[in-house]
Amino acid sequence: MNDLKELLLLNIENTADWRAGKAVEYPEDAVRNNNCSEALRELHMYVGALPDEHALWQAMKKCIDYGVGLYSIGEKENCMLSRYGFFQHGGEDPAGFVAELTSLYGNALKEGEKLCE
């Protein structure tokens, strides 16, 4: 398994655990927080099954190599994860999440390349 995949999987797992904790902390919203935690665990399995050659890992590696967009993407990634499965239950789209994250890295790389021209 590549290091980038491990980092993303750890972030997903930590967010799922955080949501499970929020379910205990806020019993009046336990259902949504538990649903979110469950959806994140399903996303974890989906991302874990992505091949090492997937476009997401390539885009992440290029951003790291060029040092572009890492902070802003990290913040957006955390925001996306914190809301994943929170507002809808059963309609989550792991492939869509991966595509959106891949696009974020790809766009950051394009912007970084423009700055270096």
Protein backbone atom coordinates (compact mmCIF):
# COMPACT_ATOMS: atom_id res chain seq x y z
CA MET A 1 0.00 0.00 0.00
CA ASN A 2 1.34 3.42 -0.81
CA ASP A 3 1.95 6.09 1.82
CA LEU A 4 -0.59 8.51 0.34
CA LYS A 5 -3.32 5.89 0.52
CA GLU A 6 -2.38 5.15 4.13
CA LEU A 7 -2.58 8.85 5.03
CA LEU A 8 -6.01 9.28 3.45
CA LEU A 9 -7.29 6.07 5.04
CA LEU A 10 -6.05 7.26 8.43
CA ASN A 11 -7.82 10.59 7.93
CA ILE A 12 -11.06 8.83 6.99
CA GLU A 13 -10.79 6.47 9.97
CA ASN A 14 -10.08 9.32 12.39
CA THR A 15 -13.04 11.28 11.05
CA ALA A 16 -15.31 8.23 11.43
CA ASP A 17 -14.13 7.84 15.04
CA TRP A 18 -14.68 11.57 15.64
CA ARG A 19 -18.25 11.30 14.32
CA ALA A 20 -18.91 8.28 16.56
CA GLY A 21 -17.70 10.38 19.50
CA LYS A 22 -20.02 13.21 18.47
CA ALA A 23 -22.91 10.73 18.57
CA VAL A 24 -22.18 10.16 22.26
CA GLU A 25 -21.54 13.83 22.97
CA TYR A 26 -24.76 14.94 21.24
CA PRO A 27 -27.38 12.21 21.83
CA GLU A 28 -30.06 14.38 20.23
CA ASP A 29 -28.14 14.09 16.95
CA ALA A 30 -26.78 10.58 17.47
CA VAL A 31 -28.55 9.10 14.45
CA ARG A 32 -26.98 11.50 11.96
CA ASN A 33 -23.54 11.23 13.56
CA ASN A 34 -23.70 7.43 13.62
CA ASN A 35 -24.90 7.36 10.01
CA CYS A 36 -21.99 9.60 9.08
CA SER A 37 -19.53 7.37 10.92
CA GLU A 38 -20.93 4.31 9.13
CA ALA A 39 -20.74 6.03 5.73
CA LEU A 40 -17.14 7.00 6.40
CA ARG A 41 -16.26 3.41 7.25
CA GLU A 42 -17.76 2.35 3.91
CA LEU A 43 -15.75 5.10 2.18
CA HIS A 44 -12.67 3.74 3.97
CA MET A 45 -13.25 0.31 2.39
CA TYR A 46 -13.80 1.86 -1.05
CA VAL A 47 -10.64 3.98 -0.89
CA GLY A 48 -8.65 1.05 0.49
CA ALA A 49 -9.58 -0.96 -2.60
CA LEU A 50 -8.36 1.69 -5.05
CA PRO A 51 -5.34 0.50 -7.04
CA ASP A 52 -1.99 2.14 -6.38
CA GLU A 53 -2.08 3.47 -9.95
CA HIS A 54 -5.33 5.40 -9.38
CA ALA A 55 -5.41 9.00 -10.59
CA LEU A 56 -5.98 10.26 -7.03
CA TRP A 57 -2.61 9.00 -5.83
CA GLN A 58 -0.89 10.36 -8.93
CA ALA A 59 -2.45 13.80 -8.44
CA MET A 60 -1.58 13.82 -4.72
CA LYS A 61 2.01 12.81 -5.43
CA LYS A 62 2.44 15.52 -8.06
CA CYS A 63 1.14 18.16 -5.65
CA ILE A 64 3.55 16.96 -2.98
CA ASP A 65 6.43 16.88 -5.47
CA TYR A 66 5.68 20.46 -6.53
CA GLY A 67 4.66 21.62 -3.05
CA VAL A 68 1.39 23.13 -4.25
CA GLY A 69 -2.01 23.34 -2.64
CA LEU A 70 -1.34 20.97 0.21
CA TYR A 71 -2.64 23.14 3.05
CA SER A 72 -5.76 24.34 1.25
CA ILE A 73 -6.55 20.87 -0.08
CA GLY A 74 -6.05 19.36 3.37
CA GLU A 75 -8.58 21.80 4.79
CA LYS A 76 -11.06 21.05 1.99
CA GLU A 77 -10.49 17.31 2.38
CA ASN A 78 -11.21 17.53 6.12
CA CYS A 79 -14.35 19.56 5.44
CA MET A 80 -15.55 17.04 2.85
CA LEU A 81 -14.92 14.15 5.23
CA SER A 82 -16.60 15.84 8.19
CA ARG A 83 -19.80 16.22 6.17
CA TYR A 84 -19.69 12.92 4.30
CA GLY A 85 -22.92 11.05 5.04
CA PHE A 86 -24.12 13.64 7.55
CA PHE A 87 -26.91 15.24 5.56
CA GLN A 88 -28.12 12.16 3.72
CA HIS A 89 -28.20 8.53 4.70
CA GLY A 90 -27.79 5.84 2.10
CA GLY A 91 -27.10 8.18 -0.80
CA GLU A 92 -23.38 8.62 -0.33
CA ASP A 93 -21.22 8.27 -3.41
CA PRO A 94 -17.69 7.05 -2.66
CA ALA A 95 -16.69 7.22 -6.33
CA GLY A 96 -17.96 10.80 -6.48
CA PHE A 97 -16.00 11.69 -3.36
CA VAL A 98 -12.82 10.25 -4.85
CA ALA A 99 -13.45 12.05 -8.15
CA GLU A 100 -13.99 15.37 -6.35
CA LEU A 101 -10.83 14.94 -4.27
CA THR A 102 -8.84 13.97 -7.38
CA SER A 103 -10.17 17.11 -9.08
CA LEU A 104 -9.12 19.28 -6.12
CA TYR A 105 -5.56 17.99 -6.37
CA GLY A 106 -5.55 18.31 -10.15
CA ASN A 107 -6.79 21.89 -10.02
CA ALA A 108 -4.22 22.82 -7.37
CA LEU A 109 -1.51 21.38 -9.57
CA LYS A 110 -2.71 23.41 -12.56
CA GLU A 111 -2.75 26.59 -10.46
CA GLY A 112 0.72 25.80 -9.11
CA GLU A 113 2.06 25.26 -12.62
CA LYS A 114 0.68 28.68 -13.64
CA LEU A 115 2.54 30.29 -10.75
CA CYS A 116 5.80 28.66 -11.85
CA GLU A 117 5.55 29.76 -15.49
